[in-house]
């Protein structure tokens, strides 16, 4: 059966002390969530937050990892380094990494392979920009993203993948895909997985919605059959809002 999940993505927010304070509050409040709860933190938080959350139902994710194993890559953080902090997930393919840091399908393929080799689970983001949606090319775009970075994986490796559909036009804009748009795309993504890995694997694949998902619209989005939870940005920085979204799952 597929895993229901609410994952937070802190992005480049909060210093170490602020991050620890938020993680501490979440540990106190998220004790029996009824779904998988993950928080994605900046690299500097990973070790301390992972230790803090030991024994709790909350898992920790890195927001990225390098596309190399190790070596003279100043400023980069390898998948092995991420794993050594106690983190168990890695978020890859986020639209901000694709847009601002020019991460291609091939780069992301390398990152996925390295993360999986280190025993990390991967939350992999896919989605279209506004122009692609307006020209009705969203299906073509997400299919190419999956083909370019993930569909080389074995069925066993695929079990470590969680997908996150994020319409780029809805990230941080206040715009949100309608529940119907979200369901249509999630169902399409699941059909692509079925073509590659079979119906049962597709049925077991967790697909999250990301893109201005908040405590006000989460329940409506999560009510869709093929929406298994959310990848939450800004609302994950406020304990009350994040906990309300978890409750909606």
Protein backbone atom coordinates (compact mmCIF):
# COMPACT_ATOMS: atom_id res chain seq x y z
CA UNK A 1 0.00 0.00 0.00
CA UNK A 2 1.16 3.51 -0.74
CA UNK A 3 2.44 5.71 2.08
CA UNK A 4 0.50 8.86 2.97
CA UNK A 5 2.96 11.67 3.61
CA UNK A 6 3.27 15.31 4.56
CA UNK A 7 6.77 16.68 3.93
CA UNK A 8 8.02 20.16 4.79
CA UNK A 9 10.64 21.97 2.75
CA UNK A 10 12.23 24.76 4.79
CA UNK A 11 14.30 26.00 1.84
CA UNK A 12 16.87 28.69 2.80
CA UNK A 13 15.09 29.83 5.95
CA UNK A 14 15.93 29.89 9.66
CA UNK A 15 19.32 29.84 11.32
CA UNK A 16 20.39 26.79 13.31
CA UNK A 17 18.85 27.94 16.57
CA UNK A 18 15.53 28.80 14.93
CA UNK A 19 15.45 25.47 13.11
CA UNK A 20 16.12 23.53 16.30
CA UNK A 21 13.37 25.47 18.07
CA UNK A 22 10.85 24.60 15.34
CA UNK A 23 11.92 20.94 15.28
CA UNK A 24 11.57 20.82 19.07
CA UNK A 25 8.02 22.14 18.91
CA UNK A 26 7.11 19.70 16.15
CA UNK A 27 8.53 16.80 18.16
CA UNK A 28 6.30 17.76 21.07
CA UNK A 29 3.18 18.10 18.93
CA UNK A 30 3.56 15.44 16.23
CA UNK A 31 3.35 12.23 18.25
CA UNK A 32 0.80 10.10 16.37
CA UNK A 33 0.40 11.67 12.93
CA UNK A 34 -1.28 8.85 11.04
CA UNK A 35 1.02 9.41 8.08
CA UNK A 36 4.72 9.73 7.30
CA UNK A 37 5.99 13.18 8.34
CA UNK A 38 9.25 14.49 6.88
CA UNK A 39 10.98 17.84 7.30
CA UNK A 40 13.53 18.97 4.73
CA UNK A 41 16.12 21.26 6.28
CA UNK A 42 19.19 23.17 5.14
CA UNK A 43 22.42 21.19 5.44
CA UNK A 44 23.53 23.03 8.61
CA UNK A 45 20.48 21.74 10.50
CA UNK A 46 20.67 18.10 9.54
CA UNK A 47 22.83 16.59 12.27
CA UNK A 48 21.31 18.41 15.21
CA UNK A 49 17.72 18.10 14.02
CA UNK A 50 18.19 14.39 13.20
CA UNK A 51 19.50 13.73 16.72
CA UNK A 52 16.72 15.78 18.26
CA UNK A 53 14.03 13.82 16.41
CA UNK A 54 15.38 10.34 17.19
CA UNK A 55 12.56 8.25 18.59
CA UNK A 56 9.88 10.53 17.12
CA UNK A 57 7.73 9.75 14.07
CA UNK A 58 9.28 12.67 12.16
CA UNK A 59 11.90 11.89 9.52
CA UNK A 60 14.52 14.32 8.23
CA UNK A 61 15.43 15.13 4.63
CA UNK A 62 18.21 17.08 3.00
CA UNK A 63 17.05 19.58 0.40
CA UNK A 64 19.71 18.51 -2.10
CA UNK A 65 22.90 16.51 -2.56
CA UNK A 66 25.88 16.65 -4.90
CA UNK A 67 26.13 14.83 -8.21
CA UNK A 68 29.60 13.51 -7.32
CA UNK A 69 30.73 10.93 -4.77
CA UNK A 70 33.50 13.03 -3.19
CA UNK A 71 36.52 15.12 -4.06
CA UNK A 72 37.51 18.67 -4.95
CA UNK A 73 34.01 20.14 -5.21
CA UNK A 74 34.16 23.09 -2.86
CA UNK A 75 30.86 23.88 -1.19
CA UNK A 76 29.12 20.67 -2.23
CA UNK A 77 27.61 18.08 0.13
CA UNK A 78 27.62 14.44 -0.96
CA UNK A 79 24.88 11.88 -0.45
CA UNK A 80 27.21 10.00 1.91
CA UNK A 81 27.64 13.14 3.99
CA UNK A 82 23.87 13.60 4.13
CA UNK A 83 23.39 10.00 5.26
CA UNK A 84 26.04 10.39 7.97
CA UNK A 85 23.97 13.12 9.65
CA UNK A 86 21.10 10.73 10.34
CA UNK A 87 18.86 12.10 7.58
CA UNK A 88 16.89 9.42 5.76
CA UNK A 89 15.42 11.38 2.83
CA UNK A 90 16.75 13.69 0.14
CA UNK A 91 14.63 16.12 -1.89
CA UNK A 92 15.80 16.25 -5.52
CA UNK A 93 14.58 17.91 -8.70
CA UNK A 94 12.91 20.88 -7.03
CA UNK A 95 11.95 23.51 -9.58
CA UNK A 96 14.13 26.10 -7.83
CA UNK A 97 17.18 23.86 -8.27
CA UNK A 98 16.26 23.32 -11.92
CA UNK A 99 15.69 27.04 -12.59
CA UNK A 100 18.32 28.80 -10.49
CA UNK A 101 21.12 26.22 -10.56
CA UNK A 102 20.46 24.75 -14.01
CA UNK A 103 20.10 21.16 -12.85
CA UNK A 104 19.39 19.06 -15.93
CA UNK A 105 17.71 15.68 -16.17
CA UNK A 106 21.13 14.04 -16.47
CA UNK A 107 22.49 15.80 -13.37
CA UNK A 108 19.41 14.79 -11.42
CA UNK A 109 19.75 11.21 -12.62
CA UNK A 110 23.26 11.12 -11.12
CA UNK A 111 22.01 12.60 -7.86
CA UNK A 112 19.19 10.08 -7.61
CA UNK A 113 21.58 7.19 -8.19
CA UNK A 114 24.04 8.45 -5.57
CA UNK A 115 21.32 9.11 -3.00
CA UNK A 116 19.83 5.64 -3.45
CA UNK A 117 23.29 4.04 -3.28
CA UNK A 118 23.72 5.61 0.16
CA UNK A 119 20.41 4.22 1.39
CA UNK A 120 18.53 7.51 1.23
CA UNK A 121 14.91 7.68 0.16
CA UNK A 122 14.26 10.29 -2.53
CA UNK A 123 11.43 12.80 -2.82
CA UNK A 124 11.64 13.70 -6.50
CA UNK A 125 9.92 16.84 -7.78
CA UNK A 126 8.39 17.22 -11.23
CA UNK A 127 6.16 19.87 -12.76
CA UNK A 128 5.56 22.45 -15.46
CA UNK A 129 6.03 26.21 -15.63
CA UNK A 130 3.22 28.62 -16.45
CA UNK A 131 3.93 28.82 -20.20
CA UNK A 132 3.92 25.03 -20.48
CA UNK A 133 0.57 24.80 -18.69
CA UNK A 134 -0.93 27.55 -20.85
CA UNK A 135 0.17 25.72 -24.01
CA UNK A 136 -1.25 22.44 -22.64
CA UNK A 137 2.16 20.75 -22.59
CA UNK A 138 2.16 19.82 -18.88
CA UNK A 139 1.81 16.08 -19.56
CA UNK A 140 4.65 16.12 -22.04
CA UNK A 141 6.87 17.98 -19.56
CA UNK A 142 6.37 15.68 -16.58
CA UNK A 143 6.73 12.59 -18.77
CA UNK A 144 10.10 13.85 -20.01
CA UNK A 145 11.24 14.64 -16.46
CA UNK A 146 10.41 11.13 -15.29
CA UNK A 147 11.98 9.51 -18.34
CA UNK A 148 15.13 11.60 -18.09
CA UNK A 149 15.92 11.06 -14.42
CA UNK A 150 13.99 8.12 -12.92
CA UNK A 151 12.70 5.52 -15.33
CA UNK A 152 16.11 3.82 -15.57
CA UNK A 153 15.66 2.59 -11.98
CA UNK A 154 14.88 -1.01 -11.16
CA UNK A 155 11.54 -1.88 -9.59
CA UNK A 156 13.32 -2.44 -6.27
CA UNK A 157 14.99 0.98 -6.44
CA UNK A 158 11.67 2.56 -7.36
CA UNK A 159 10.30 1.57 -3.96
CA UNK A 160 12.58 4.22 -2.46
CA UNK A 161 11.10 7.00 -4.60
CA UNK A 162 8.32 9.40 -3.60
CA UNK A 163 7.11 11.73 -6.35
CA UNK A 164 6.06 15.32 -5.75
CA UNK A 165 4.07 17.09 -8.45
CA UNK A 166 4.69 20.82 -8.17
CA UNK A 167 3.14 23.09 -10.77
CA UNK A 168 5.89 25.71 -10.87
CA UNK A 169 3.37 28.49 -11.48
CA UNK A 170 1.86 27.75 -8.06
CA UNK A 171 5.05 27.78 -5.94
CA UNK A 172 5.20 30.80 -3.66
CA UNK A 173 2.72 32.68 -5.83
CA UNK A 174 -0.43 32.11 -3.82
CA UNK A 175 -1.89 30.31 -6.84
CA UNK A 176 -2.83 26.68 -6.37
CA UNK A 177 -3.86 24.01 -8.82
CA UNK A 178 -7.54 23.24 -8.44
CA UNK A 179 -8.31 19.88 -6.86
CA UNK A 180 -9.40 18.72 -10.33
CA UNK A 181 -6.12 19.83 -11.92
CA UNK A 182 -4.13 18.14 -9.16
CA UNK A 183 -6.08 14.89 -9.47
CA UNK A 184 -5.81 14.84 -13.26
CA UNK A 185 -2.04 15.26 -13.16
CA UNK A 186 -1.49 12.80 -10.33
CA UNK A 187 -3.57 10.19 -12.14
CA UNK A 188 -1.58 10.81 -15.32
CA UNK A 189 1.72 10.45 -13.44
CA UNK A 190 0.50 7.20 -11.91
CA UNK A 191 -0.41 5.94 -15.40
CA UNK A 192 3.15 6.63 -16.59
CA UNK A 193 4.55 4.67 -13.65
CA UNK A 194 2.17 1.82 -14.49
CA UNK A 195 3.46 1.68 -18.07
CA UNK A 196 7.03 1.27 -16.82
CA UNK A 197 6.62 -0.82 -13.67
CA UNK A 198 3.12 -2.27 -13.76
CA UNK A 199 -0.19 -1.45 -12.11
CA UNK A 200 0.71 -2.67 -8.62
CA UNK A 201 3.91 -0.63 -8.39
CA UNK A 202 2.02 2.42 -9.64
CA UNK A 203 -0.72 1.87 -7.09
CA UNK A 204 1.91 1.68 -4.33
CA UNK A 205 3.74 4.85 -5.45
CA UNK A 206 3.30 7.88 -3.22
CA UNK A 207 2.63 11.09 -5.18
CA UNK A 208 2.56 14.36 -3.25
CA UNK A 209 1.19 17.73 -4.32
CA UNK A 210 3.38 20.81 -3.89
CA UNK A 211 2.55 24.38 -4.82
CA UNK A 212 1.04 26.81 -2.31
CA UNK A 213 -0.50 23.95 -0.36
CA UNK A 214 -1.48 25.29 3.05
CA UNK A 215 -3.69 24.65 6.06
CA UNK A 216 -6.70 26.15 4.25
CA UNK A 217 -6.66 24.08 1.07
CA UNK A 218 -4.87 20.89 2.15
CA UNK A 219 -7.95 18.84 3.03
CA UNK A 220 -9.60 19.54 -0.33
CA UNK A 221 -6.45 18.65 -2.26
CA UNK A 222 -5.74 15.55 -0.19
CA UNK A 223 -9.29 14.25 -0.71
CA UNK A 224 -8.40 13.29 -4.28
CA UNK A 225 -7.82 9.59 -4.85
CA UNK A 226 -4.36 10.00 -6.37
CA UNK A 227 -3.05 12.79 -4.12
CA UNK A 228 -1.23 11.10 -1.26
CA UNK A 229 -0.15 14.17 0.69
CA UNK A 230 1.84 17.32 0.21
CA UNK A 231 5.30 18.83 -0.13
CA UNK A 232 4.85 22.00 1.88
CA UNK A 233 6.94 25.16 1.55
CA UNK A 234 6.13 28.31 3.50
CA UNK A 235 3.48 26.72 5.70
CA UNK A 236 6.05 24.21 7.00
CA UNK A 237 7.88 27.05 8.75
CA UNK A 238 5.02 27.62 11.19
CA UNK A 239 4.21 24.78 13.58
CA UNK A 240 0.48 25.57 13.81
CA UNK A 241 0.07 25.57 10.04
CA UNK A 242 2.20 22.49 9.44
CA UNK A 243 0.40 20.53 12.15
CA UNK A 244 -2.97 21.52 10.65
CA UNK A 245 -1.83 20.17 7.27
CA UNK A 246 -0.69 16.91 8.87
CA UNK A 247 -4.12 16.61 10.49
CA UNK A 248 -5.74 17.13 7.08
CA UNK A 249 -3.91 14.10 5.71
